[in-house]
């Protein structure tokens, strides 16, 4: 089945087949998966550590404040943690999941746009230095087909890492009561942004080959600067 799929990809876009064949190695897949899952785990544990825990009885001397507590203290303009009947701090879990959702959204978008731009421009620079870029230019494929193959194939490990982050991101959004159309709208916006920035990265890489190895750093730095 995998071979048939690869054959179909090769027939549809030979450049994409070339990129996939060169990048989707078991070692690369394992590294990308491990980085994605460990990054999600670290972010989850970071937010988990922000949840206030009520101290043992008799040690509750100073008031505890946290954005995840439920009682608003107007005098300090903060949320104060007040024990419930069981001696625990009630937690605003919806807001906690919302923060996790927001930060996952921000980090995912930044990594996709900045790292993806760096990978595309760096790949074009490597092709130029190895002399294979001219071979690609004179191939029977159209410029559009080559560009699509590069955009879909070069950052494919990045796409894998992003896909692995979707379950936690989607779940956190639902628990935080983010509307489903809002979550799906975010995914559409990210895909559209990647298409726009990656197309610009391809154009930049093809027209500034004289910059050499400085190309990917300049391009990814410009993307990071342009992000709000």
C-alpha atoms as a PDB file:
ATOM      1  CA  UNK A   1       0.000   0.000   0.000  1.00  0.00           C
ATOM      2  CA  UNK A   2       2.839   2.367   0.888  1.00  0.00           C
ATOM      3  CA  UNK A   3       4.630   1.592  -2.369  1.00  0.00           C
ATOM      4  CA  UNK A   4       1.442   2.210  -4.353  1.00  0.00           C
ATOM      5  CA  UNK A   5       0.982   5.546  -2.592  1.00  0.00           C
ATOM      6  CA  UNK A   6       4.578   6.543  -3.333  1.00  0.00           C
ATOM      7  CA  UNK A   7       4.125   5.531  -6.965  1.00  0.00           C
ATOM      8  CA  UNK A   8       1.024   7.704  -7.193  1.00  0.00           C
ATOM      9  CA  UNK A   9       2.901  10.625  -5.623  1.00  0.00           C
ATOM     10  CA  UNK A  10       5.774  10.078  -8.059  1.00  0.00           C
ATOM     11  CA  UNK A  11       3.396  10.128 -11.014  1.00  0.00           C
ATOM     12  CA  UNK A  12       1.629  13.243  -9.751  1.00  0.00           C
ATOM     13  CA  UNK A  13       4.717  15.201  -8.659  1.00  0.00           C
ATOM     14  CA  UNK A  14       8.210  13.722  -9.160  1.00  0.00           C
ATOM     15  CA  UNK A  15       9.796  16.522  -7.121  1.00  0.00           C
ATOM     16  CA  UNK A  16       7.616  15.739  -4.111  1.00  0.00           C
ATOM     17  CA  UNK A  17       8.515  12.056  -4.453  1.00  0.00           C
ATOM     18  CA  UNK A  18      12.209  12.999  -4.484  1.00  0.00           C
ATOM     19  CA  UNK A  19      11.857  15.095  -1.330  1.00  0.00           C
ATOM     20  CA  UNK A  20       9.834  12.471   0.546  1.00  0.00           C
ATOM     21  CA  UNK A  21      12.220   9.686  -0.408  1.00  0.00           C
ATOM     22  CA  UNK A  22      15.186  11.682   0.851  1.00  0.00           C
ATOM     23  CA  UNK A  23      13.652  12.823   4.137  1.00  0.00           C
ATOM     24  CA  UNK A  24      11.215  10.216   5.428  1.00  0.00           C
ATOM     25  CA  UNK A  25      13.816   7.920   6.964  1.00  0.00           C
ATOM     26  CA  UNK A  26      12.991   6.044  10.154  1.00  0.00           C
ATOM     27  CA  UNK A  27      15.640   7.939  12.114  1.00  0.00           C
ATOM     28  CA  UNK A  28      14.346  11.318  10.951  1.00  0.00           C
ATOM     29  CA  UNK A  29      10.753  10.329  11.700  1.00  0.00           C
ATOM     30  CA  UNK A  30      11.717   9.176  15.194  1.00  0.00           C
ATOM     31  CA  UNK A  31      13.587  12.416  15.931  1.00  0.00           C
ATOM     32  CA  UNK A  32      10.753  14.638  14.659  1.00  0.00           C
ATOM     33  CA  UNK A  33       8.182  12.649  16.628  1.00  0.00           C
ATOM     34  CA  UNK A  34      10.264  12.715  19.804  1.00  0.00           C
ATOM     35  CA  UNK A  35      10.827  16.473  19.562  1.00  0.00           C
ATOM     36  CA  UNK A  36       7.128  17.147  19.002  1.00  0.00           C
ATOM     37  CA  UNK A  37       5.909  14.911  21.815  1.00  0.00           C
ATOM     38  CA  UNK A  38       8.572  16.059  24.280  1.00  0.00           C
ATOM     39  CA  UNK A  39       7.808  19.702  23.483  1.00  0.00           C
ATOM     40  CA  UNK A  40       4.122  19.131  24.159  1.00  0.00           C
ATOM     41  CA  UNK A  41       4.926  17.285  27.374  1.00  0.00           C
ATOM     42  CA  UNK A  42       7.187  20.085  28.607  1.00  0.00           C
ATOM     43  CA  UNK A  43       4.537  22.714  27.857  1.00  0.00           C
ATOM     44  CA  UNK A  44       1.864  20.625  29.589  1.00  0.00           C
ATOM     45  CA  UNK A  45       4.074  20.093  32.652  1.00  0.00           C
ATOM     46  CA  UNK A  46       4.904  23.804  32.747  1.00  0.00           C
ATOM     47  CA  UNK A  47       1.231  24.735  32.940  1.00  0.00           C
ATOM     48  CA  UNK A  48       0.590  21.883  35.351  1.00  0.00           C
ATOM     49  CA  UNK A  49       3.186  23.415  37.663  1.00  0.00           C
ATOM     50  CA  UNK A  50       1.298  26.744  37.580  1.00  0.00           C
ATOM     51  CA  UNK A  51      -1.713  25.204  39.324  1.00  0.00           C
ATOM     52  CA  UNK A  52      -1.688  26.357  42.967  1.00  0.00           C
ATOM     53  CA  UNK A  53      -1.782  23.643  45.612  1.00  0.00           C
ATOM     54  CA  UNK A  54      -3.219  24.358  49.040  1.00  0.00           C
ATOM     55  CA  UNK A  55      -0.616  23.923  51.804  1.00  0.00           C
ATOM     56  CA  UNK A  56      -1.303  21.594  54.738  1.00  0.00           C
ATOM     57  CA  UNK A  57      -3.637  22.927  57.448  1.00  0.00           C
ATOM     58  CA  UNK A  58      -1.878  25.330  59.783  1.00  0.00           C
ATOM     59  CA  UNK A  59       0.675  26.412  57.161  1.00  0.00           C
ATOM     60  CA  UNK A  60      -1.696  28.629  55.202  1.00  0.00           C
ATOM     61  CA  UNK A  61      -0.323  31.946  56.448  1.00  0.00           C
ATOM     62  CA  UNK A  62      -0.079  34.239  53.428  1.00  0.00           C
ATOM     63  CA  UNK A  63      -2.805  34.569  50.770  1.00  0.00           C
ATOM     64  CA  UNK A  64      -2.141  32.783  47.492  1.00  0.00           C
ATOM     65  CA  UNK A  65      -2.917  34.430  44.184  1.00  0.00           C
ATOM     66  CA  UNK A  66      -3.137  32.746  40.792  1.00  0.00           C
ATOM     67  CA  UNK A  67      -4.831  33.459  37.480  1.00  0.00           C
ATOM     68  CA  UNK A  68      -6.247  29.938  37.674  1.00  0.00           C
ATOM     69  CA  UNK A  69      -8.086  30.479  40.960  1.00  0.00           C
ATOM     70  CA  UNK A  70     -11.754  31.405  40.981  1.00  0.00           C
ATOM     71  CA  UNK A  71     -12.286  34.213  43.523  1.00  0.00           C
ATOM     72  CA  UNK A  72     -11.489  37.708  42.242  1.00  0.00           C
ATOM     73  CA  UNK A  73      -9.939  40.047  44.813  1.00  0.00           C
ATOM     74  CA  UNK A  74     -10.921  43.556  43.702  1.00  0.00           C
ATOM     75  CA  UNK A  75      -8.582  45.225  46.198  1.00  0.00           C
ATOM     76  CA  UNK A  76      -5.518  43.637  44.556  1.00  0.00           C
ATOM     77  CA  UNK A  77      -7.042  43.191  41.096  1.00  0.00           C
ATOM     78  CA  UNK A  78      -6.004  39.521  41.192  1.00  0.00           C
ATOM     79  CA  UNK A  79      -7.583  36.121  41.573  1.00  0.00           C
ATOM     80  CA  UNK A  80      -7.236  34.849  45.117  1.00  0.00           C
ATOM     81  CA  UNK A  81      -7.068  31.172  46.015  1.00  0.00           C
ATOM     82  CA  UNK A  82      -9.594  30.325  48.722  1.00  0.00           C
ATOM     83  CA  UNK A  83      -9.996  26.839  50.188  1.00  0.00           C
ATOM     84  CA  UNK A  84     -13.176  24.926  49.508  1.00  0.00           C
ATOM     85  CA  UNK A  85     -14.957  22.630  51.971  1.00  0.00           C
ATOM     86  CA  UNK A  86     -12.362  19.911  51.356  1.00  0.00           C
ATOM     87  CA  UNK A  87      -9.429  22.249  51.968  1.00  0.00           C
ATOM     88  CA  UNK A  88      -8.392  22.484  48.309  1.00  0.00           C
ATOM     89  CA  UNK A  89      -8.123  25.470  45.989  1.00  0.00           C
ATOM     90  CA  UNK A  90     -10.909  25.481  43.356  1.00  0.00           C
ATOM     91  CA  UNK A  91      -9.289  25.768  39.927  1.00  0.00           C
ATOM     92  CA  UNK A  92     -10.695  27.434  36.825  1.00  0.00           C
ATOM     93  CA  UNK A  93      -9.891  24.496  34.571  1.00  0.00           C
ATOM     94  CA  UNK A  94     -11.518  26.048  31.521  1.00  0.00           C
ATOM     95  CA  UNK A  95      -9.123  28.992  31.716  1.00  0.00           C
ATOM     96  CA  UNK A  96      -6.197  26.641  32.347  1.00  0.00           C
ATOM     97  CA  UNK A  97      -6.952  24.658  29.197  1.00  0.00           C
ATOM     98  CA  UNK A  98      -7.494  27.891  27.276  1.00  0.00           C
ATOM     99  CA  UNK A  99      -3.981  29.074  28.170  1.00  0.00           C
ATOM    100  CA  UNK A 100      -2.535  25.748  27.072  1.00  0.00           C
ATOM    101  CA  UNK A 101      -4.483  26.001  23.812  1.00  0.00           C
ATOM    102  CA  UNK A 102      -3.269  29.552  23.157  1.00  0.00           C
ATOM    103  CA  UNK A 103       0.388  28.786  23.797  1.00  0.00           C
ATOM    104  CA  UNK A 104       0.241  25.623  21.700  1.00  0.00           C
ATOM    105  CA  UNK A 105      -1.259  27.714  18.894  1.00  0.00           C
ATOM    106  CA  UNK A 106       1.447  30.367  19.141  1.00  0.00           C
ATOM    107  CA  UNK A 107       4.382  27.968  19.341  1.00  0.00           C
ATOM    108  CA  UNK A 108       3.060  25.746  16.548  1.00  0.00           C
ATOM    109  CA  UNK A 109       2.521  28.677  14.189  1.00  0.00           C
ATOM    110  CA  UNK A 110       5.948  30.176  14.912  1.00  0.00           C
ATOM    111  CA  UNK A 111       7.766  26.869  14.450  1.00  0.00           C
ATOM    112  CA  UNK A 112       5.941  26.081  11.209  1.00  0.00           C
ATOM    113  CA  UNK A 113       6.516  29.502   9.661  1.00  0.00           C
ATOM    114  CA  UNK A 114      10.047  30.240  10.873  1.00  0.00           C
ATOM    115  CA  UNK A 115      11.548  26.745  10.726  1.00  0.00           C
ATOM    116  CA  UNK A 116       9.733  25.923   7.482  1.00  0.00           C
ATOM    117  CA  UNK A 117      11.074  29.068   5.820  1.00  0.00           C
ATOM    118  CA  UNK A 118      14.585  28.258   7.036  1.00  0.00           C
ATOM    119  CA  UNK A 119      14.354  24.695   5.701  1.00  0.00           C
ATOM    120  CA  UNK A 120      13.083  25.744   2.267  1.00  0.00           C
ATOM    121  CA  UNK A 121      15.630  28.499   1.703  1.00  0.00           C
ATOM    122  CA  UNK A 122      18.412  26.334   3.119  1.00  0.00           C
ATOM    123  CA  UNK A 123      17.427  23.501   0.779  1.00  0.00           C
ATOM    124  CA  UNK A 124      17.547  25.794  -2.248  1.00  0.00           C
ATOM    125  CA  UNK A 125      20.955  27.079  -1.146  1.00  0.00           C
ATOM    126  CA  UNK A 126      22.225  23.490  -0.815  1.00  0.00           C
ATOM    127  CA  UNK A 127      20.849  22.588  -4.248  1.00  0.00           C
ATOM    128  CA  UNK A 128      22.584  25.645  -5.699  1.00  0.00           C
ATOM    129  CA  UNK A 129      25.944  24.782  -4.117  1.00  0.00           C
ATOM    130  CA  UNK A 130      25.747  21.146  -5.218  1.00  0.00           C
ATOM    131  CA  UNK A 131      24.792  22.126  -8.750  1.00  0.00           C
ATOM    132  CA  UNK A 132      21.526  20.176  -8.693  1.00  0.00           C
ATOM    133  CA  UNK A 133      19.283  23.237  -8.900  1.00  0.00           C
ATOM    134  CA  UNK A 134      19.999  23.732 -12.598  1.00  0.00           C
ATOM    135  CA  UNK A 135      19.242  20.059 -13.185  1.00  0.00           C
ATOM    136  CA  UNK A 136      15.850  20.579 -11.547  1.00  0.00           C
ATOM    137  CA  UNK A 137      15.230  23.733 -13.590  1.00  0.00           C
ATOM    138  CA  UNK A 138      15.841  21.900 -16.865  1.00  0.00           C
ATOM    139  CA  UNK A 139      13.723  18.893 -15.908  1.00  0.00           C
ATOM    140  CA  UNK A 140      10.433  18.286 -17.778  1.00  0.00           C
ATOM    141  CA  UNK A 141       8.478  19.408 -14.702  1.00  0.00           C
ATOM    142  CA  UNK A 142       6.847  22.812 -14.695  1.00  0.00           C
ATOM    143  CA  UNK A 143       8.013  25.518 -12.294  1.00  0.00           C
ATOM    144  CA  UNK A 144       4.687  25.233 -10.489  1.00  0.00           C
ATOM    145  CA  UNK A 145       5.097  21.483 -10.035  1.00  0.00           C
ATOM    146  CA  UNK A 146       8.631  21.892  -8.677  1.00  0.00           C
ATOM    147  CA  UNK A 147       7.539  24.628  -6.258  1.00  0.00           C
ATOM    148  CA  UNK A 148       4.638  22.529  -4.964  1.00  0.00           C
ATOM    149  CA  UNK A 149       6.951  19.557  -4.560  1.00  0.00           C
ATOM    150  CA  UNK A 150       9.427  21.633  -2.579  1.00  0.00           C
ATOM    151  CA  UNK A 151       6.796  23.288  -0.384  1.00  0.00           C
ATOM    152  CA  UNK A 152       5.099  19.990   0.438  1.00  0.00           C
ATOM    153  CA  UNK A 153       8.239  17.878   0.649  1.00  0.00           C
ATOM    154  CA  UNK A 154      11.072  19.860   2.221  1.00  0.00           C
ATOM    155  CA  UNK A 155       9.285  20.612   5.532  1.00  0.00           C
ATOM    156  CA  UNK A 156       7.539  17.210   5.644  1.00  0.00           C
ATOM    157  CA  UNK A 157       9.104  16.294   8.999  1.00  0.00           C
ATOM    158  CA  UNK A 158       7.876  19.626  10.315  1.00  0.00           C
ATOM    159  CA  UNK A 159       4.388  18.746   9.110  1.00  0.00           C
ATOM    160  CA  UNK A 160       4.669  15.418  10.925  1.00  0.00           C
ATOM    161  CA  UNK A 161       5.619  17.177  14.166  1.00  0.00           C
ATOM    162  CA  UNK A 162       2.685  19.579  13.758  1.00  0.00           C
ATOM    163  CA  UNK A 163       0.220  16.753  13.076  1.00  0.00           C
ATOM    164  CA  UNK A 164       1.336  15.014  16.271  1.00  0.00           C
ATOM    165  CA  UNK A 165       0.481  18.200  18.181  1.00  0.00           C
ATOM    166  CA  UNK A 166      -3.070  18.350  16.794  1.00  0.00           C
ATOM    167  CA  UNK A 167      -4.717  15.918  19.277  1.00  0.00           C
ATOM    168  CA  UNK A 168      -3.601  17.849  22.379  1.00  0.00           C
ATOM    169  CA  UNK A 169      -4.286  21.195  20.706  1.00  0.00           C
ATOM    170  CA  UNK A 170      -7.748  20.155  19.524  1.00  0.00           C
ATOM    171  CA  UNK A 171      -8.674  18.586  22.856  1.00  0.00           C
ATOM    172  CA  UNK A 172      -7.496  21.589  24.883  1.00  0.00           C
ATOM    173  CA  UNK A 173      -9.544  23.882  22.652  1.00  0.00           C
ATOM    174  CA  UNK A 174     -12.688  21.807  23.119  1.00  0.00           C
ATOM    175  CA  UNK A 175     -12.261  21.583  26.904  1.00  0.00           C
ATOM    176  CA  UNK A 176     -11.664  25.346  27.004  1.00  0.00           C
ATOM    177  CA  UNK A 177     -14.976  25.731  25.139  1.00  0.00           C
ATOM    178  CA  UNK A 178     -13.367  27.329  22.096  1.00  0.00           C
ATOM    179  CA  UNK A 179     -15.954  27.100  19.278  1.00  0.00           C
ATOM    180  CA  UNK A 180     -15.248  24.288  16.836  1.00  0.00           C
ATOM    181  CA  UNK A 181     -15.304  26.710  13.918  1.00  0.00           C
ATOM    182  CA  UNK A 182     -12.689  28.793  15.734  1.00  0.00           C
ATOM    183  CA  UNK A 183     -10.340  25.818  16.075  1.00  0.00           C
ATOM    184  CA  UNK A 184     -10.841  24.765  12.458  1.00  0.00           C
ATOM    185  CA  UNK A 185     -10.441  28.387  11.375  1.00  0.00           C
ATOM    186  CA  UNK A 186      -7.064  28.478  13.107  1.00  0.00           C
ATOM    187  CA  UNK A 187      -5.928  25.383  11.201  1.00  0.00           C
ATOM    188  CA  UNK A 188      -7.061  26.909   7.907  1.00  0.00           C
ATOM    189  CA  UNK A 189      -5.263  30.168   8.726  1.00  0.00           C
ATOM    190  CA  UNK A 190      -2.037  28.305   9.551  1.00  0.00           C
ATOM    191  CA  UNK A 191      -2.182  26.316   6.296  1.00  0.00           C
ATOM    192  CA  UNK A 192      -2.841  29.493   4.295  1.00  0.00           C
ATOM    193  CA  UNK A 193      -0.019  31.333   6.085  1.00  0.00           C
ATOM    194  CA  UNK A 194       2.385  28.480   5.407  1.00  0.00           C
ATOM    195  CA  UNK A 195       1.452  28.551   1.728  1.00  0.00           C
ATOM    196  CA  UNK A 196       2.022  32.306   1.550  1.00  0.00           C
ATOM    197  CA  UNK A 197       5.277  32.414   3.512  1.00  0.00           C
ATOM    198  CA  UNK A 198       6.698  29.297   1.875  1.00  0.00           C
ATOM    199  CA  UNK A 199       5.964  30.653  -1.606  1.00  0.00           C
ATOM    200  CA  UNK A 200       7.741  33.875  -0.655  1.00  0.00           C
ATOM    201  CA  UNK A 201      10.627  31.810   0.746  1.00  0.00           C
ATOM    202  CA  UNK A 202      10.965  29.966  -2.569  1.00  0.00           C
ATOM    203  CA  UNK A 203      11.054  33.246  -4.474  1.00  0.00           C
ATOM    204  CA  UNK A 204      13.578  34.700  -2.029  1.00  0.00           C
ATOM    205  CA  UNK A 205      15.791  31.619  -2.238  1.00  0.00           C
ATOM    206  CA  UNK A 206      15.811  31.604  -6.036  1.00  0.00           C
ATOM    207  CA  UNK A 207      16.573  35.314  -6.416  1.00  0.00           C
ATOM    208  CA  UNK A 208      19.201  35.810  -3.696  1.00  0.00           C
ATOM    209  CA  UNK A 209      21.591  32.917  -4.270  1.00  0.00           C
ATOM    210  CA  UNK A 210      24.478  35.400  -4.052  1.00  0.00           C
ATOM    211  CA  UNK A 211      23.881  35.609  -0.290  1.00  0.00           C
ATOM    212  CA  UNK A 212      25.094  32.033   0.098  1.00  0.00           C
ATOM    213  CA  UNK A 213      24.730  30.404   3.503  1.00  0.00           C
ATOM    214  CA  UNK A 214      23.331  33.623   4.963  1.00  0.00           C
ATOM    215  CA  UNK A 215      20.087  33.147   3.005  1.00  0.00           C
ATOM    216  CA  UNK A 216      18.144  30.860   5.375  1.00  0.00           C
ATOM    217  CA  UNK A 217      19.078  32.894   8.458  1.00  0.00           C
ATOM    218  CA  UNK A 218      18.010  36.151   6.835  1.00  0.00           C
ATOM    219  CA  UNK A 219      14.737  34.692   5.543  1.00  0.00           C
ATOM    220  CA  UNK A 220      13.717  33.015   8.802  1.00  0.00           C
ATOM    221  CA  UNK A 221      14.767  36.093  10.782  1.00  0.00           C
ATOM    222  CA  UNK A 222      12.588  38.273   8.555  1.00  0.00           C
ATOM    223  CA  UNK A 223       9.605  35.953   9.107  1.00  0.00           C
ATOM    224  CA  UNK A 224      10.124  36.033  12.872  1.00  0.00           C
ATOM    225  CA  UNK A 225      10.292  39.833  12.743  1.00  0.00           C
ATOM    226  CA  UNK A 226       7.086  40.060  10.694  1.00  0.00           C
ATOM    227  CA  UNK A 227       5.080  37.867  13.052  1.00  0.00           C
ATOM    228  CA  UNK A 228       2.923  39.957  15.444  1.00  0.00           C
END
